[in-house]
Protein backbone atom coordinates (compact mmCIF):
# COMPACT_ATOMS: atom_id res chain seq x y z
CA UNK A 1 -93.44 19.20 -43.14
CA UNK A 2 -90.55 16.90 -44.10
CA UNK A 3 -89.38 19.37 -46.72
CA UNK A 4 -89.41 22.24 -44.24
CA UNK A 5 -87.49 20.33 -41.55
CA UNK A 6 -85.02 18.33 -43.65
CA UNK A 7 -84.77 20.25 -47.00
CA UNK A 8 -85.22 17.02 -48.98
CA UNK A 9 -85.40 18.69 -52.40
CA UNK A 10 -82.26 20.70 -51.74
CA UNK A 11 -80.41 17.49 -50.89
CA UNK A 12 -81.76 15.66 -53.94
CA UNK A 13 -83.60 12.99 -52.00
CA UNK A 14 -87.12 11.76 -51.20
CA UNK A 15 -89.02 10.54 -48.16
CA UNK A 16 -88.96 6.97 -49.51
CA UNK A 17 -85.18 7.08 -50.05
CA UNK A 18 -84.55 8.46 -46.55
CA UNK A 19 -86.85 5.95 -44.87
CA UNK A 20 -85.15 3.05 -46.67
CA UNK A 21 -81.78 4.37 -45.53
CA UNK A 22 -83.04 4.60 -41.94
CA UNK A 23 -84.34 1.03 -42.09
CA UNK A 24 -80.93 -0.08 -43.36
CA UNK A 25 -79.13 1.59 -40.44
CA UNK A 26 -81.54 0.00 -38.00
CA UNK A 27 -81.05 -3.54 -39.27
CA UNK A 28 -77.29 -3.10 -39.62
CA UNK A 29 -76.93 -1.76 -36.06
CA UNK A 30 -79.77 -3.59 -34.26
CA UNK A 31 -77.29 -6.02 -32.72
CA UNK A 32 -76.27 -3.23 -30.32
CA UNK A 33 -79.55 -3.80 -28.44
CA UNK A 34 -78.35 -7.25 -27.38
CA UNK A 35 -74.56 -6.89 -27.45
CA UNK A 36 -74.23 -3.69 -25.38
CA UNK A 37 -76.19 -4.90 -22.32
CA UNK A 38 -74.36 -8.22 -22.52
CA UNK A 39 -71.02 -6.40 -22.13
CA UNK A 40 -72.30 -3.97 -19.49
CA UNK A 41 -73.63 -6.90 -17.45
CA UNK A 42 -69.99 -7.94 -16.94
CA UNK A 43 -69.54 -4.64 -15.10
CA UNK A 44 -72.53 -5.25 -12.83
CA UNK A 45 -75.29 -3.29 -14.60
CA UNK A 46 -78.43 -5.47 -14.73
CA UNK A 47 -78.93 -6.78 -18.28
CA UNK A 48 -82.56 -5.65 -18.64
CA UNK A 49 -81.81 -2.16 -17.35
CA UNK A 50 -78.81 -1.86 -19.66
CA UNK A 51 -80.95 -2.96 -22.61
CA UNK A 52 -83.63 -0.36 -21.86
CA UNK A 53 -80.94 2.31 -21.45
CA UNK A 54 -79.34 1.28 -24.74
CA UNK A 55 -82.60 1.75 -26.61
CA UNK A 56 -83.44 5.07 -24.97
CA UNK A 57 -80.07 6.77 -25.56
CA UNK A 58 -79.97 5.46 -29.14
CA UNK A 59 -83.43 6.91 -29.82
CA UNK A 60 -82.64 10.26 -28.20
CA UNK A 61 -79.25 10.58 -29.90
CA UNK A 62 -80.57 9.67 -33.34
CA UNK A 63 -83.47 12.13 -33.06
CA UNK A 64 -81.06 14.81 -31.81
CA UNK A 65 -78.69 14.47 -34.76
CA UNK A 66 -81.55 14.07 -37.23
CA UNK A 67 -83.62 17.06 -36.13
CA UNK A 68 -80.87 19.43 -34.98
CA UNK A 69 -77.87 18.62 -37.18
CA UNK A 70 -79.89 17.23 -40.14
CA UNK A 71 -77.39 14.44 -40.81
CA UNK A 72 -78.14 10.81 -41.73
CA UNK A 73 -76.26 9.50 -38.70
CA UNK A 74 -77.38 7.63 -35.61
CA UNK A 75 -75.88 7.59 -32.13
CA UNK A 76 -75.59 4.46 -29.99
CA UNK A 77 -73.32 3.11 -27.24
CA UNK A 78 -69.91 2.51 -28.81
CA UNK A 79 -68.72 -1.07 -28.98
CA UNK A 80 -65.13 -0.30 -28.04
CA UNK A 81 -66.16 2.27 -25.45
CA UNK A 82 -68.53 -0.08 -23.62
CA UNK A 83 -65.68 -2.57 -23.24
CA UNK A 84 -63.43 0.28 -22.01
CA UNK A 85 -66.15 1.25 -19.51
CA UNK A 86 -66.42 -2.26 -18.08
CA UNK A 87 -62.90 -3.65 -18.27
CA UNK A 88 -60.86 -0.48 -17.74
CA UNK A 89 -62.96 2.01 -15.79
CA UNK A 90 -64.96 -0.35 -13.57
CA UNK A 91 -62.61 -3.29 -13.23
CA UNK A 92 -59.25 -1.62 -13.99
CA UNK A 93 -59.74 1.47 -11.80
CA UNK A 94 -61.70 -0.58 -9.27
CA UNK A 95 -64.81 1.61 -9.47
CA UNK A 96 -68.37 0.46 -8.92
CA UNK A 97 -70.59 0.61 -11.98
CA UNK A 98 -72.48 3.44 -10.26
CA UNK A 99 -69.22 5.41 -10.05
CA UNK A 100 -68.60 4.51 -13.69
CA UNK A 101 -71.88 6.17 -14.64
CA UNK A 102 -70.78 9.27 -12.72
CA UNK A 103 -67.53 9.25 -14.72
CA UNK A 104 -69.61 9.17 -17.93
CA UNK A 105 -71.65 12.20 -16.80
CA UNK A 106 -68.61 14.26 -15.76
CA UNK A 107 -66.82 13.30 -18.97
CA UNK A 108 -69.86 14.49 -20.92
CA UNK A 109 -69.59 17.90 -19.26
CA UNK A 110 -65.99 18.26 -20.43
CA UNK A 111 -66.96 17.10 -23.92
CA UNK A 112 -69.70 19.72 -24.10
CA UNK A 113 -67.22 22.40 -23.03
CA UNK A 114 -64.90 21.29 -25.83
CA UNK A 115 -67.62 21.14 -28.50
CA UNK A 116 -69.43 24.36 -27.59
CA UNK A 117 -66.15 26.27 -27.70
CA UNK A 118 -63.68 26.59 -30.61
CA UNK A 119 -61.57 23.75 -29.20
CA UNK A 120 -63.17 20.85 -31.07
CA UNK A 121 -63.22 22.75 -34.38
CA UNK A 122 -59.57 23.73 -33.89
CA UNK A 123 -58.60 20.11 -33.26
CA UNK A 124 -60.50 19.10 -36.38
CA UNK A 125 -58.61 21.64 -38.52
CA UNK A 126 -55.32 20.42 -37.07
CA UNK A 127 -55.79 16.90 -38.43
CA UNK A 128 -53.78 16.43 -41.68
CA UNK A 129 -55.68 15.22 -44.73
CA UNK A 130 -53.70 11.99 -44.92
CA UNK A 131 -54.90 10.99 -41.46
CA UNK A 132 -58.47 12.01 -42.31
CA UNK A 133 -58.43 9.68 -45.30
CA UNK A 134 -56.87 6.88 -43.25
CA UNK A 135 -59.48 7.23 -40.51
CA UNK A 136 -62.30 6.79 -43.02
CA UNK A 137 -60.52 3.84 -44.64
CA UNK A 138 -59.70 2.29 -41.27
CA UNK A 139 -63.31 2.48 -40.14
CA UNK A 140 -64.30 0.86 -43.43
CA UNK A 141 -61.82 -1.97 -42.93
CA UNK A 142 -63.14 -2.42 -39.39
CA UNK A 143 -66.63 -2.84 -40.83
CA UNK A 144 -65.27 -5.42 -43.26
CA UNK A 145 -63.62 -7.30 -40.39
CA UNK A 146 -66.83 -7.22 -38.34
CA UNK A 147 -68.84 -8.40 -41.35
CA UNK A 148 -66.46 -11.27 -42.13
CA UNK A 149 -66.61 -12.42 -38.52
CA UNK A 150 -70.39 -12.03 -38.23
CA UNK A 151 -70.85 -14.11 -41.36
CA UNK A 152 -68.27 -16.64 -40.15
CA UNK A 153 -66.25 -16.18 -43.31
CA UNK A 154 -63.19 -15.95 -41.08
CA UNK A 155 -62.75 -17.72 -37.75
CA UNK A 156 -60.20 -17.80 -34.94
CA UNK A 157 -57.05 -19.86 -35.40
CA UNK A 158 -54.45 -20.71 -32.75
CA UNK A 159 -51.49 -20.36 -35.10
CA UNK A 160 -52.48 -17.52 -37.43
CA UNK A 161 -55.08 -15.80 -35.18
CA UNK A 162 -57.63 -15.81 -38.01
CA UNK A 163 -58.24 -18.06 -41.00
CA UNK A 164 -60.87 -18.87 -43.61
CA UNK A 165 -63.81 -20.80 -42.19
CA UNK A 166 -64.37 -24.41 -43.31
CA UNK A 167 -65.93 -24.37 -46.77
CA UNK A 168 -68.78 -26.61 -45.61
CA UNK A 169 -69.89 -23.99 -43.06
CA UNK A 170 -73.58 -23.07 -43.68
CA UNK A 171 -73.02 -19.53 -42.38
CA UNK A 172 -70.17 -19.02 -44.85
CA UNK A 173 -72.38 -20.18 -47.70
CA UNK A 174 -75.30 -17.91 -46.74
CA UNK A 175 -73.00 -14.92 -46.24
CA UNK A 176 -71.46 -15.37 -49.68
CA UNK A 177 -74.92 -15.84 -51.19
CA UNK A 178 -76.16 -12.63 -49.59
CA UNK A 179 -72.98 -10.82 -50.60
CA UNK A 180 -73.40 -11.84 -54.24
CA UNK A 181 -77.08 -10.88 -54.26
CA UNK A 182 -76.56 -7.47 -52.68
CA UNK A 183 -73.50 -6.74 -54.84
CA UNK A 184 -75.54 -7.35 -58.01
CA UNK A 185 -78.35 -5.10 -56.77
CA UNK A 186 -75.90 -2.47 -55.51
CA UNK A 187 -73.83 -2.13 -58.69
CA UNK A 188 -77.05 -1.97 -60.69
CA UNK A 189 -78.09 0.90 -58.38
CA UNK A 190 -81.32 -0.78 -57.30
CA UNK A 191 -82.99 1.33 -54.61
CA UNK A 192 -83.26 -0.54 -51.34
CA UNK A 193 -80.54 -2.99 -52.37
CA UNK A 194 -79.38 -3.57 -48.79
CA UNK A 195 -82.86 -4.04 -47.34
CA UNK A 196 -83.94 -6.30 -50.20
CA UNK A 197 -80.79 -8.38 -49.90
CA UNK A 198 -81.14 -8.65 -46.12
CA UNK A 199 -84.78 -9.76 -46.27
CA UNK A 200 -84.22 -12.24 -49.11
CA UNK A 201 -81.17 -13.76 -47.42
CA UNK A 202 -83.05 -14.02 -44.12
CA UNK A 203 -85.97 -15.73 -45.86
CA UNK A 204 -83.66 -18.23 -47.60
CA UNK A 205 -81.92 -19.07 -44.33
CA UNK A 206 -85.21 -19.79 -42.57
CA UNK A 207 -86.76 -21.63 -45.51
CA UNK A 208 -83.80 -24.00 -45.54
CA UNK A 209 -84.25 -24.63 -41.83
CA UNK A 210 -80.94 -23.02 -40.88
CA UNK A 211 -82.30 -20.08 -38.88
CA UNK A 212 -82.14 -20.07 -35.13
CA UNK A 213 -85.01 -19.14 -32.87
CA UNK A 214 -85.48 -15.69 -31.41
CA UNK A 215 -83.48 -14.92 -28.29
CA UNK A 216 -85.65 -15.16 -25.20
CA UNK A 217 -85.29 -12.47 -22.57
CA UNK A 218 -86.83 -11.73 -19.21
CA UNK A 219 -89.82 -9.36 -19.10
CA UNK A 220 -88.72 -5.73 -19.21
CA UNK A 221 -89.05 -4.04 -15.82
CA UNK A 222 -89.62 -0.40 -16.78
CA UNK A 223 -90.73 0.46 -13.27
CA UNK A 224 -87.58 -0.88 -11.68
CA UNK A 225 -85.46 0.75 -14.37
CA UNK A 226 -86.59 4.24 -13.30
CA UNK A 227 -84.39 3.86 -10.23
CA UNK A 228 -81.31 3.91 -12.48
CA UNK A 229 -81.53 7.71 -12.68
CA UNK A 230 -80.49 8.01 -9.04
CA UNK A 231 -77.71 5.43 -9.03
CA UNK A 232 -74.76 7.47 -10.37
CA UNK A 233 -72.28 7.72 -7.50
CA UNK A 234 -70.23 10.93 -7.36
CA UNK A 235 -68.43 10.07 -4.12
CA UNK A 236 -65.26 9.43 -6.13
CA UNK A 237 -64.94 13.12 -7.06
CA UNK A 238 -62.35 13.50 -4.29
CA UNK A 239 -60.21 10.56 -5.39
CA UNK A 240 -57.46 10.40 -8.04
CA UNK A 241 -58.67 7.19 -9.79
CA UNK A 242 -62.01 8.87 -10.55
CA UNK A 243 -60.32 11.75 -12.38
CA UNK A 244 -57.92 9.41 -14.14
CA UNK A 245 -60.99 7.59 -15.42
CA UNK A 246 -62.61 10.87 -16.49
CA UNK A 247 -59.46 11.93 -18.36
CA UNK A 248 -59.10 8.60 -20.16
CA UNK A 249 -62.77 8.37 -21.13
CA UNK A 250 -62.95 12.01 -22.31
CA UNK A 251 -59.87 11.55 -24.48
CA UNK A 252 -61.23 8.29 -25.89
CA UNK A 253 -64.65 9.72 -26.81
CA UNK A 254 -63.24 12.98 -28.19
CA UNK A 255 -60.85 11.37 -30.63
CA UNK A 256 -63.17 8.48 -31.40
CA UNK A 257 -65.79 11.06 -32.40
CA UNK A 258 -63.18 13.06 -34.30
CA UNK A 259 -62.32 10.01 -36.36
CA UNK A 260 -65.94 9.05 -36.95
CA UNK A 261 -66.92 12.59 -37.95
CA UNK A 262 -64.20 12.68 -40.60
CA UNK A 263 -65.13 9.20 -41.74
CA UNK A 264 -68.91 9.56 -41.82
CA UNK A 265 -70.24 13.15 -41.91
CA UNK A 266 -71.23 14.12 -45.49
CA UNK A 267 -69.38 17.02 -47.07
CA UNK A 268 -71.01 20.39 -46.46
CA UNK A 269 -72.76 19.44 -43.22
CA UNK A 270 -72.35 21.43 -40.00
CA UNK A 271 -69.84 19.28 -38.14
CA UNK A 272 -70.07 21.54 -35.07
CA UNK A 273 -73.65 20.44 -34.45
CA UNK A 274 -72.62 16.83 -34.92
CA UNK A 275 -69.86 17.25 -32.33
CA UNK A 276 -72.22 19.02 -29.94
CA UNK A 277 -75.05 16.53 -30.32
CA UNK A 278 -72.62 13.67 -29.79
CA UNK A 279 -71.22 15.31 -26.63
CA UNK A 280 -74.67 15.97 -25.15
CA UNK A 281 -75.84 12.42 -25.74
CA UNK A 282 -72.59 10.92 -24.43
CA UNK A 283 -73.12 12.78 -21.15
CA UNK A 284 -76.77 11.88 -20.66
CA UNK A 285 -75.89 8.22 -21.29
CA UNK A 286 -74.65 8.13 -17.70
CA UNK A 287 -78.04 9.28 -16.40
CA UNK A 288 -79.82 6.58 -18.39
CA UNK A 289 -77.47 3.86 -17.17
CA UNK A 290 -75.17 2.94 -20.03
CA UNK A 291 -71.72 3.62 -21.43
CA UNK A 292 -71.35 6.69 -23.69
CA UNK A 293 -72.79 6.89 -27.18
CA UNK A 294 -70.80 7.65 -30.33
CA UNK A 295 -71.67 7.89 -34.00
CA UNK A 296 -72.91 4.55 -35.31
CA UNK A 297 -70.39 3.21 -37.82
CA UNK A 298 -73.21 1.33 -39.55
CA UNK A 299 -74.68 4.72 -40.51
CA UNK A 300 -72.43 4.35 -43.54
CA UNK A 301 -74.78 1.60 -44.73
CA UNK A 302 -77.69 4.03 -44.66
CA UNK A 303 -75.70 6.65 -46.54
CA UNK A 304 -74.75 4.06 -49.14
CA UNK A 305 -78.48 3.33 -49.45
CA UNK A 306 -79.07 7.00 -50.32
CA UNK A 307 -79.60 8.67 -46.94
CA UNK A 308 -78.67 12.34 -47.08
CA UNK A 309 -80.68 14.12 -44.38
CA UNK A 310 -81.76 13.86 -40.77
CA UNK A 311 -84.92 12.01 -41.80
CA UNK A 312 -82.72 8.92 -42.14
CA UNK A 313 -81.56 9.30 -38.52
CA UNK A 314 -85.09 10.00 -37.28
CA UNK A 315 -86.38 6.88 -39.04
CA UNK A 316 -83.64 4.76 -37.48
CA UNK A 317 -84.32 6.29 -34.07
CA UNK A 318 -88.05 5.55 -34.20
CA UNK A 319 -87.35 1.98 -35.31
CA UNK A 320 -85.07 1.53 -32.30
CA UNK A 321 -87.93 2.79 -30.11
CA UNK A 322 -90.20 0.15 -31.62
CA UNK A 323 -87.62 -2.53 -30.87
CA UNK A 324 -89.30 -3.19 -27.54
CA UNK A 325 -92.17 -4.67 -29.55
CA UNK A 326 -90.22 -6.39 -32.32
CA UNK A 327 -87.34 -7.66 -30.17
CA UNK A 328 -87.93 -11.32 -31.16
CA UNK A 329 -87.69 -10.41 -34.85
CA UNK A 330 -84.53 -8.36 -34.35
CA UNK A 331 -82.89 -11.20 -32.52
CA UNK A 332 -83.99 -13.58 -35.24
CA UNK A 333 -82.28 -11.75 -38.13
CA UNK A 334 -79.26 -13.99 -38.85
CA UNK A 335 -75.78 -12.52 -38.75
CA UNK A 336 -75.19 -14.00 -42.19
CA UNK A 337 -77.87 -11.67 -43.57
CA UNK A 338 -76.35 -8.55 -41.97
CA UNK A 339 -72.70 -9.35 -42.67
CA UNK A 340 -72.78 -8.69 -46.47
CA UNK A 341 -74.01 -5.13 -45.88
CA UNK A 342 -71.10 -4.37 -43.56
CA UNK A 343 -68.59 -5.89 -45.98
CA UNK A 344 -69.80 -3.89 -48.99
CA UNK A 345 -70.09 -0.60 -47.09
CA UNK A 346 -66.69 -1.12 -45.49
CA UNK A 347 -64.97 -1.77 -48.80
CA UNK A 348 -66.52 1.36 -50.30
CA UNK A 349 -65.14 3.41 -47.40
CA UNK A 350 -61.70 1.80 -47.76
CA UNK A 351 -61.49 3.45 -51.18
CA UNK A 352 -60.16 6.52 -49.35
CA UNK A 353 -56.78 4.79 -49.13
CA UNK A 354 -56.00 5.85 -52.68
CA UNK A 355 -56.26 9.53 -51.65
CA UNK A 356 -53.36 9.27 -49.19
CA UNK A 357 -50.26 10.98 -50.66
CA UNK A 358 -47.34 8.76 -51.65
CA UNK A 359 -44.91 10.73 -49.47
CA UNK A 360 -43.65 8.17 -46.91
CA UNK A 361 -43.94 10.64 -44.02
CA UNK A 362 -47.64 10.90 -44.88
CA UNK A 363 -48.28 7.35 -46.01
CA UNK A 364 -46.67 5.46 -43.15
CA UNK A 365 -48.60 7.07 -40.22
CA UNK A 366 -51.81 7.08 -42.25
CA UNK A 367 -51.41 3.53 -43.51
CA UNK A 368 -50.59 2.20 -40.06
CA UNK A 369 -53.68 3.96 -38.68
CA UNK A 370 -55.89 2.33 -41.29
CA UNK A 371 -54.43 -1.11 -40.56
CA UNK A 372 -54.45 -0.91 -36.77
CA UNK A 373 -58.10 0.19 -36.49
CA UNK A 374 -59.43 -3.20 -37.71
CA UNK A 375 -56.58 -5.33 -36.33
CA UNK A 376 -56.93 -3.91 -32.81
CA UNK A 377 -60.72 -3.53 -33.06
CA UNK A 378 -60.14 -0.03 -31.72
CA UNK A 379 -60.52 3.28 -33.53
CA UNK A 380 -58.74 5.08 -30.71
CA UNK A 381 -55.63 2.84 -30.85
CA UNK A 382 -55.38 3.31 -34.60
CA UNK A 383 -55.71 7.07 -34.18
CA UNK A 384 -53.03 7.06 -31.51
CA UNK A 385 -50.50 5.44 -33.85
CA UNK A 386 -51.12 8.00 -36.57
CA UNK A 387 -51.22 11.06 -34.32
CA UNK A 388 -48.01 10.09 -32.53
CA UNK A 389 -46.02 9.02 -35.59
CA UNK A 390 -47.05 11.88 -37.91
CA UNK A 391 -45.35 14.76 -36.02
CA UNK A 392 -42.43 12.50 -35.09
CA UNK A 393 -41.65 11.64 -38.74
CA UNK A 394 -42.06 15.25 -39.85
CA UNK A 395 -39.75 16.38 -37.04
CA UNK A 396 -36.91 13.97 -37.81
CA UNK A 397 -37.07 14.73 -41.55
CA UNK A 398 -36.80 18.47 -40.93
CA UNK A 399 -40.34 19.25 -42.17
CA UNK A 400 -41.62 20.80 -38.99
CA UNK A 401 -43.63 23.42 -40.87
CA UNK A 402 -46.00 20.63 -41.98
CA UNK A 403 -47.07 20.03 -38.38
CA UNK A 404 -49.83 22.10 -36.78
CA UNK A 405 -48.95 23.02 -33.17
CA UNK A 406 -52.08 21.25 -31.94
CA UNK A 407 -50.75 18.00 -33.40
CA UNK A 408 -47.99 17.97 -30.79
CA UNK A 409 -50.61 18.50 -28.09
CA UNK A 410 -52.73 15.65 -29.46
CA UNK A 411 -49.72 13.33 -29.62
CA UNK A 412 -48.80 14.21 -26.03
CA UNK A 413 -52.36 13.52 -24.86
CA UNK A 414 -52.30 10.08 -26.43
CA UNK A 415 -48.93 9.33 -24.82
CA UNK A 416 -50.23 10.51 -21.42
CA UNK A 417 -53.34 8.33 -21.84
CA UNK A 418 -51.25 5.20 -22.37
CA UNK A 419 -48.97 6.19 -19.51
CA UNK A 420 -51.98 6.43 -17.20
CA UNK A 421 -53.21 3.02 -18.31
CA UNK A 422 -49.85 1.55 -17.34
CA UNK A 423 -50.07 2.97 -13.80
């Protein structure tokens, strides 16, 4: 059955390899179950309802990409997008969270129109190779930044913004220990290196008495949650702020997905189905009561573990479904055990920097994109820099033939987006 659905032999993989990759994605991305509802609660969505919604849309999205697109990628509410939903759409545009969910649904409709027509594919072809490489590298560097912060290798500093953590920090020591262990296993090509390293590091942390207890949460109210399906408020359809919010969110998701697709989707896969599955799940997120989903950046950890087919995504999705039962264990996995995985995967993705041409008109926009993605904690802001500067530099140097006409449209859309945010 697995062979018929996922073509394992054709992809040179096995059920064991795919399941291990799915487990890796789950552990690397499990923090979303706690972090996403915490952010959405700032916008007024009840924490428990947001947590249930997070799990459901992650399960549905992962199964959708796994079974329909046959890619080893999961979908979950995007970290930058959930903050945009709360702090820009709800608070910035002065919408209720119910109106915000309506914005998500309407935005999903526009995304589906774009992905089920030639528009998304045309935009993808218009992206120059240098920016494609920089997007992948930038996402990798973002993973490194997240990993270093999770493991408390770097901490905030008033003068320099970030600095190395105190050397006596236990979290720093455990992160470096896990990093060394996983690196040794990884370079020796030991199967399950990430999972083995995570479990061993977790065990060491708890055996030394340094592990914290599981996060306690209120009982899940599945019955009350069912009312979330009727809460989306479309009364704002006749007001300008609603459509400004729709425009901004659609642009954000579209180009965020564009960047993630180029950074994560394996060569030879049907990217159209990935775009379409992502658009469908982003739209239904509003019905379930959460901010839109995007491709899970931590899917790169599963691919590094050997995941090549949709069985990896299906495994991750089913594990997220089981998270209702194992929530205490998920919460109890220390950040210091997860951080090394993100650091190693991120550095492997950053290798794409060497593929960027040395031509300054290519290197500068691409390099700035790769740097701004981690420094701003925003894929969309990094993309904006590259997409605006690339045609500008080609234009002023008289190399206008290097610029696809759509690139001017993309640059204009980014400029309009920032102009709207200033209003």
